[in-house]
Protein backbone atom coordinates (compact mmCIF):
# COMPACT_ATOMS: atom_id res chain seq x y z
CA MET A 1 -0.20 0.05 0.01
CA ASP A 2 2.57 2.21 1.04
CA THR A 3 4.64 1.16 -2.21
CA LYS A 4 1.46 2.13 -4.21
CA LYS A 5 1.26 5.51 -2.43
CA ASN A 6 4.80 6.49 -2.66
CA ARG A 7 4.59 5.92 -6.60
CA ARG A 8 1.62 7.82 -7.18
CA MET A 9 3.06 10.71 -5.47
CA ARG A 10 6.52 10.62 -7.19
CA MET A 11 4.34 10.71 -10.30
CA ILE A 12 2.41 13.47 -9.32
CA ALA A 13 5.27 15.47 -8.29
CA ALA A 14 6.93 14.64 -11.65
CA TYR A 15 3.81 16.01 -13.54
CA GLY A 16 4.04 19.10 -11.15
CA LEU A 17 7.61 19.64 -12.08
CA VAL A 18 6.99 19.22 -16.16
CA MET A 19 3.50 21.29 -16.11
CA PRO A 20 5.17 24.16 -15.80
CA GLY A 21 7.28 24.24 -18.93
CA PHE A 22 4.35 22.37 -20.91
CA LEU A 23 1.75 25.48 -20.42
CA LEU A 24 4.67 27.87 -21.13
CA VAL A 25 5.26 25.96 -24.56
CA MET A 26 1.18 25.67 -25.32
CA LEU A 27 1.18 29.64 -24.01
CA THR A 28 4.13 30.73 -26.12
CA VAL A 29 4.11 28.05 -29.29
CA ALA A 30 1.32 26.25 -29.61
CA TYR A 31 -1.48 29.02 -29.11
CA PRO A 32 -0.22 31.61 -31.44
CA ILE A 33 0.23 28.56 -34.12
CA ALA A 34 -3.60 27.77 -33.68
CA ASN A 35 -4.59 31.15 -33.58
CA SER A 36 -2.75 31.92 -36.91
CA VAL A 37 -4.25 28.80 -38.39
CA LEU A 38 -7.99 29.55 -37.77
CA ARG A 39 -7.50 33.49 -38.37
CA SER A 40 -6.04 32.74 -42.02
CA PHE A 41 -9.25 31.40 -42.83
CA ARG A 42 -11.41 33.82 -41.67
CA ASP A 43 -12.71 36.46 -44.03
CA LYS A 44 -11.63 40.37 -42.98
CA ALA A 45 -14.89 42.07 -43.44
CA THR A 46 -17.15 39.21 -42.35
CA GLY A 47 -15.61 36.84 -40.04
CA ALA A 48 -16.65 34.19 -42.34
CA PHE A 49 -14.63 31.14 -43.50
CA THR A 50 -13.02 31.79 -46.89
CA TRP A 51 -9.72 30.58 -49.21
CA GLU A 52 -9.43 33.84 -50.12
CA ASN A 53 -6.18 34.67 -48.31
CA TYR A 54 -4.43 31.54 -49.34
CA SER A 55 -5.48 32.30 -52.98
CA TYR A 56 -4.30 35.62 -52.47
CA PHE A 57 -0.56 34.20 -52.32
CA PHE A 58 -1.00 31.39 -54.93
CA LEU A 59 -3.10 33.19 -57.65
CA ARG A 60 -1.67 36.49 -58.05
CA PRO A 61 1.60 36.92 -59.90
CA THR A 62 3.21 38.69 -57.86
CA GLU A 63 2.47 36.99 -54.90
CA ARG A 64 3.58 33.92 -56.28
CA ALA A 65 6.70 35.70 -57.49
CA SER A 66 7.63 36.08 -54.20
CA ILE A 67 7.31 32.73 -52.71
CA LEU A 68 9.27 31.38 -55.49
CA TYR A 69 11.77 34.27 -55.21
CA THR A 70 12.46 33.42 -51.35
CA LEU A 71 12.59 29.75 -52.52
CA ALA A 72 15.41 30.48 -55.06
CA VAL A 73 17.53 32.72 -52.57
CA VAL A 74 17.23 29.76 -49.79
CA VAL A 75 18.07 26.71 -51.75
CA ALA A 76 21.30 29.13 -53.21
CA THR A 77 22.00 29.94 -49.63
CA VAL A 78 21.92 26.28 -48.41
CA VAL A 79 24.19 24.73 -51.03
CA ILE A 80 26.87 27.39 -51.40
CA SER A 81 26.36 27.21 -47.29
CA MET A 82 26.76 23.36 -47.25
CA VAL A 83 29.60 23.20 -49.89
CA ALA A 84 31.73 25.27 -48.04
CA ALA A 85 30.88 24.24 -44.69
CA TYR A 86 31.74 21.07 -45.48
CA LEU A 87 35.10 21.68 -47.13
CA LEU A 88 35.94 24.00 -44.00
CA ALA A 89 34.93 21.01 -41.50
CA MET A 90 36.79 18.30 -43.56
CA TYR A 91 40.09 20.82 -43.37
CA LEU A 92 39.38 20.85 -39.75
CA ARG A 93 38.84 17.24 -38.72
CA PHE A 94 41.49 15.60 -40.81
CA THR A 95 44.35 18.48 -40.70
CA LYS A 96 46.19 19.18 -37.50
CA THR A 97 48.24 22.46 -38.19
CA ARG A 98 48.55 25.80 -36.06
CA ILE A 99 46.65 27.57 -38.82
CA THR A 100 44.18 24.88 -38.42
CA LYS A 101 43.61 25.20 -34.49
CA LEU A 102 43.55 29.18 -35.55
CA ILE A 103 40.87 28.87 -37.93
CA GLY A 104 39.21 26.32 -35.34
CA VAL A 105 38.73 29.37 -33.02
CA LEU A 106 38.37 32.08 -35.79
CA TYR A 107 35.50 30.59 -38.12
CA LEU A 108 33.20 30.96 -35.19
CA LEU A 109 33.41 34.46 -34.85
CA PRO A 110 30.84 35.85 -37.52
CA ARG A 111 28.20 34.59 -34.95
CA PHE A 112 29.06 36.87 -32.05
CA ILE A 113 28.90 40.00 -34.78
CA PRO A 114 25.60 41.53 -34.16
CA GLY A 115 23.47 40.81 -37.81
CA LEU A 116 22.73 44.72 -38.33
CA VAL A 117 26.97 45.77 -37.84
CA ALA A 118 27.58 42.90 -39.83
CA ILE A 119 25.21 43.89 -42.78
CA TYR A 120 25.92 47.50 -42.45
CA ALA A 121 29.91 46.79 -42.88
CA MET A 122 28.78 44.42 -46.01
CA THR A 123 27.24 47.05 -47.48
CA ILE A 124 30.61 49.20 -47.22
CA ILE A 125 32.04 46.65 -49.31
CA ILE A 126 30.11 45.93 -51.90
CA ARG A 127 28.12 48.85 -52.93
CA ASP A 128 28.91 50.86 -56.24
CA SER A 129 30.78 53.09 -54.43
CA GLY A 130 32.26 51.12 -51.67
CA VAL A 131 35.71 49.44 -50.74
CA ILE A 132 35.93 47.28 -53.83
CA ASN A 133 34.76 50.02 -56.06
CA ARG A 134 38.02 52.66 -54.04
CA ILE A 135 40.68 49.98 -54.57
CA SER A 136 39.88 49.32 -58.21
CA GLN A 137 39.95 52.80 -58.91
CA LEU A 138 43.54 53.06 -57.71
CA PHE A 139 44.26 50.63 -60.14
CA GLY A 140 42.42 53.10 -62.78
CA GLY A 141 39.20 50.82 -63.18
CA ASN A 142 35.98 51.02 -61.69
CA LEU A 143 34.83 47.61 -60.61
CA LYS A 144 30.94 47.46 -59.57
CA ILE A 145 30.07 44.49 -58.97
CA GLY A 146 26.50 45.15 -58.38
CA PHE A 147 25.75 42.91 -55.40
CA MET A 148 23.34 45.78 -53.87
CA PHE A 149 19.72 45.44 -54.49
CA ASP A 150 20.39 42.00 -56.25
CA PRO A 151 19.51 38.96 -54.64
CA LYS A 152 23.44 37.56 -55.07
CA GLY A 153 24.13 40.16 -51.89
CA VAL A 154 21.69 38.24 -49.89
CA VAL A 155 22.98 34.88 -50.87
CA LEU A 156 26.42 36.61 -50.16
CA MET A 157 25.27 37.72 -46.71
CA ASN A 158 23.81 34.55 -45.82
CA VAL A 159 26.31 32.32 -46.36
CA TRP A 160 28.53 34.63 -44.31
CA PHE A 161 26.45 33.88 -41.59
CA ASN A 162 25.58 30.27 -41.75
CA ILE A 163 28.87 29.10 -43.13
CA PRO A 164 30.00 28.63 -39.23
CA PHE A 165 26.79 27.36 -37.92
CA ALA A 166 26.62 24.68 -40.42
CA ALA A 167 30.70 23.69 -40.16
CA LEU A 168 30.08 23.62 -36.32
CA ILE A 169 27.48 20.55 -36.90
CA ILE A 170 29.24 18.98 -39.67
CA THR A 171 32.50 19.25 -37.77
CA SER A 172 30.69 17.72 -34.62
CA GLY A 173 29.83 14.57 -36.97
CA LEU A 174 33.05 14.23 -38.66
CA SER A 175 34.84 14.04 -35.34
CA ALA A 176 32.43 11.10 -34.60
CA ILE A 177 33.68 8.74 -37.24
CA PRO A 178 35.78 6.39 -35.74
CA ASP A 179 39.70 7.11 -36.84
CA SER A 180 39.74 3.27 -36.89
CA ILE A 181 37.31 3.15 -39.76
CA ILE A 182 39.54 5.19 -41.79
CA GLU A 183 43.14 3.45 -40.70
CA GLY A 184 41.17 0.27 -41.84
CA ALA A 185 40.11 1.36 -44.94
CA ARG A 186 43.64 2.33 -46.04
CA ASP A 187 45.04 -0.57 -44.77
CA VAL A 188 43.25 -2.76 -47.46
CA GLY A 189 44.75 -0.06 -50.07
CA ALA A 190 41.67 2.21 -50.19
CA GLY A 191 43.32 5.83 -51.70
CA LYS A 192 41.97 8.78 -50.52
CA TRP A 193 38.84 9.62 -52.70
CA LYS A 194 37.47 6.31 -52.12
CA VAL A 195 37.96 6.63 -48.46
CA PHE A 196 35.96 10.05 -48.97
CA THR A 197 33.21 8.67 -51.26
CA ALA A 198 32.69 5.24 -49.40
CA MET A 199 33.57 6.00 -45.99
CA ILE A 200 33.53 9.98 -44.89
CA LEU A 201 30.59 10.95 -47.01
CA PRO A 202 28.14 8.38 -46.31
CA LEU A 203 28.89 8.67 -42.57
CA SER A 204 28.58 12.34 -42.42
CA VAL A 205 25.50 13.22 -44.88
CA ARG A 206 23.61 12.76 -41.84
CA ASP A 207 24.93 15.98 -40.03
CA VAL A 208 24.65 17.72 -43.30
CA PHE A 209 21.29 17.06 -43.94
CA ILE A 210 20.30 18.64 -40.21
CA ALA A 211 22.85 21.36 -41.04
CA ALA A 212 21.12 22.27 -44.57
CA THR A 213 17.36 21.65 -42.51
CA PHE A 214 18.61 24.71 -39.68
CA VAL A 215 19.98 26.97 -42.39
CA PHE A 216 16.73 26.80 -44.56
CA MET A 217 14.55 27.70 -41.75
CA SER A 218 16.62 30.36 -40.40
CA ASN A 219 16.56 32.01 -44.22
CA VAL A 220 12.98 31.24 -45.12
CA GLY A 221 11.80 33.99 -43.10
CA SER A 222 14.77 36.32 -42.85
CA PHE A 223 13.94 40.18 -42.95
CA THR A 224 16.97 42.10 -41.62
CA THR A 225 19.12 40.92 -44.40
CA PRO A 226 16.61 41.63 -47.78
CA PHE A 227 15.42 44.74 -45.81
CA PHE A 228 18.78 46.16 -46.16
CA LEU A 229 20.17 44.90 -49.37
CA LEU A 230 17.27 44.63 -51.22
CA GLY A 231 15.21 47.75 -50.19
CA ALA A 232 11.74 48.00 -52.15
CA THR A 233 12.56 45.92 -55.09
CA ASN A 234 10.02 43.46 -56.64
CA PRO A 235 9.52 41.01 -55.57
CA PRO A 236 9.87 41.07 -52.43
CA MET A 237 11.29 38.10 -49.74
CA LEU A 238 8.41 36.32 -47.73
CA GLY A 239 10.09 38.06 -44.51
CA ILE A 240 9.46 41.77 -46.47
CA SER A 241 5.92 40.64 -47.81
CA LEU A 242 4.67 39.61 -44.34
CA PHE A 243 6.11 42.85 -42.70
CA ARG A 244 3.79 44.77 -45.86
CA GLN A 245 0.89 43.09 -44.78
CA PHE A 246 1.06 43.42 -41.16
CA ASN A 247 2.41 46.62 -40.56
CA SER A 248 1.66 48.63 -43.94
CA TYR A 249 -1.78 47.09 -44.98
CA MET A 250 -2.74 45.81 -41.86
CA ASP A 251 -4.51 43.21 -43.05
CA TYR A 252 -4.06 40.71 -40.21
CA GLU A 253 -5.69 37.82 -41.90
CA LYS A 254 -3.34 37.23 -45.15
CA SER A 255 -0.32 38.12 -42.61
CA ALA A 256 -1.47 34.87 -40.89
CA ALA A 257 -2.32 32.71 -43.98
CA LEU A 258 1.52 33.75 -44.99
CA SER A 259 2.87 33.00 -41.79
CA VAL A 260 1.24 29.48 -42.02
CA ILE A 261 2.83 29.12 -45.87
CA MET A 262 5.93 29.73 -44.32
CA PHE A 263 5.41 27.44 -41.40
CA LEU A 264 4.72 24.89 -43.74
CA MET A 265 7.31 25.40 -45.87
CA CYS A 266 9.59 25.00 -42.87
CA SER A 267 7.70 22.09 -42.08
CA VAL A 268 9.06 20.07 -44.99
CA SER A 269 12.63 20.89 -44.00
CA ALA A 270 11.82 20.16 -40.30
CA ALA A 271 10.73 16.63 -41.51
CA VAL A 272 13.68 15.62 -42.95
CA TYR A 273 15.34 16.88 -39.73
CA ILE A 274 13.26 14.46 -37.93
CA TYR A 275 13.76 11.74 -40.39
CA THR A 276 17.61 12.18 -40.45
CA ASN A 277 17.93 12.69 -36.95
CA LEU A 278 16.09 9.53 -35.86
CA LYS A 279 17.75 7.27 -38.52
CA GLU A 280 20.44 5.56 -37.12
CA LYS A 281 24.17 5.75 -38.19
CA ASP A 282 25.70 3.30 -40.61
CA TRP A 283 28.21 2.70 -38.59
CA GLN A 284 26.23 1.92 -35.54
CA LYS A 285 24.35 -1.08 -37.23
């Protein structure tokens, strides 16, 4: 009897410890999501059920172009960031020099620089009258790389922000690969390329997908970078479009619909993250 009572008391205490965090998550995450979903199906004038808020973004050419434009910028950011981060992670994992140790300390520096400061510094460098242009004038040229008010500038800035984060995840995954596997492959005559394609890449691809998922989700709703580097150019990225719907047009129903669309886009990458995170590593099978 006492054992059952003690077990019940421990269970009540456990639920009591978990409940504050659970209620906080429900209040700050679940409720806003549910409220946005319900509001996205509401007519602004009558409050009746409608699909108009969603059809606005998928049937109007300008809004559809904004979605495709954002996806193009984000996919380019993910691909370039993953390639650069993987190469950096490979260098940090398999090269043991003083320069490697120095790079291993400095490559995380962009994570500690405020976003606005970094973007302002980048605009000084890449604008038509910026640092690159002035250096070219010293040699008799007039180089204008044209990255301001252009998606290439947004991709460049996004890559600068995301390479350290992605490299950190991938380096951690590469460090988890036992050296004995690589040494065993070399002992049986495998060359560097064979070791990479047959051993290192398959065992680290899971971490690449995880890093790509976070980079994708963090850039879908990006606002600060496109706001400063693209200005009022059209089509706008989704973060700018959402800001206009909410702040300029005060159309909260369409803002909710666009938020749900962005949430669903991120959910696709989140599903990839969950799948890859739950999948057992090949070398552990």
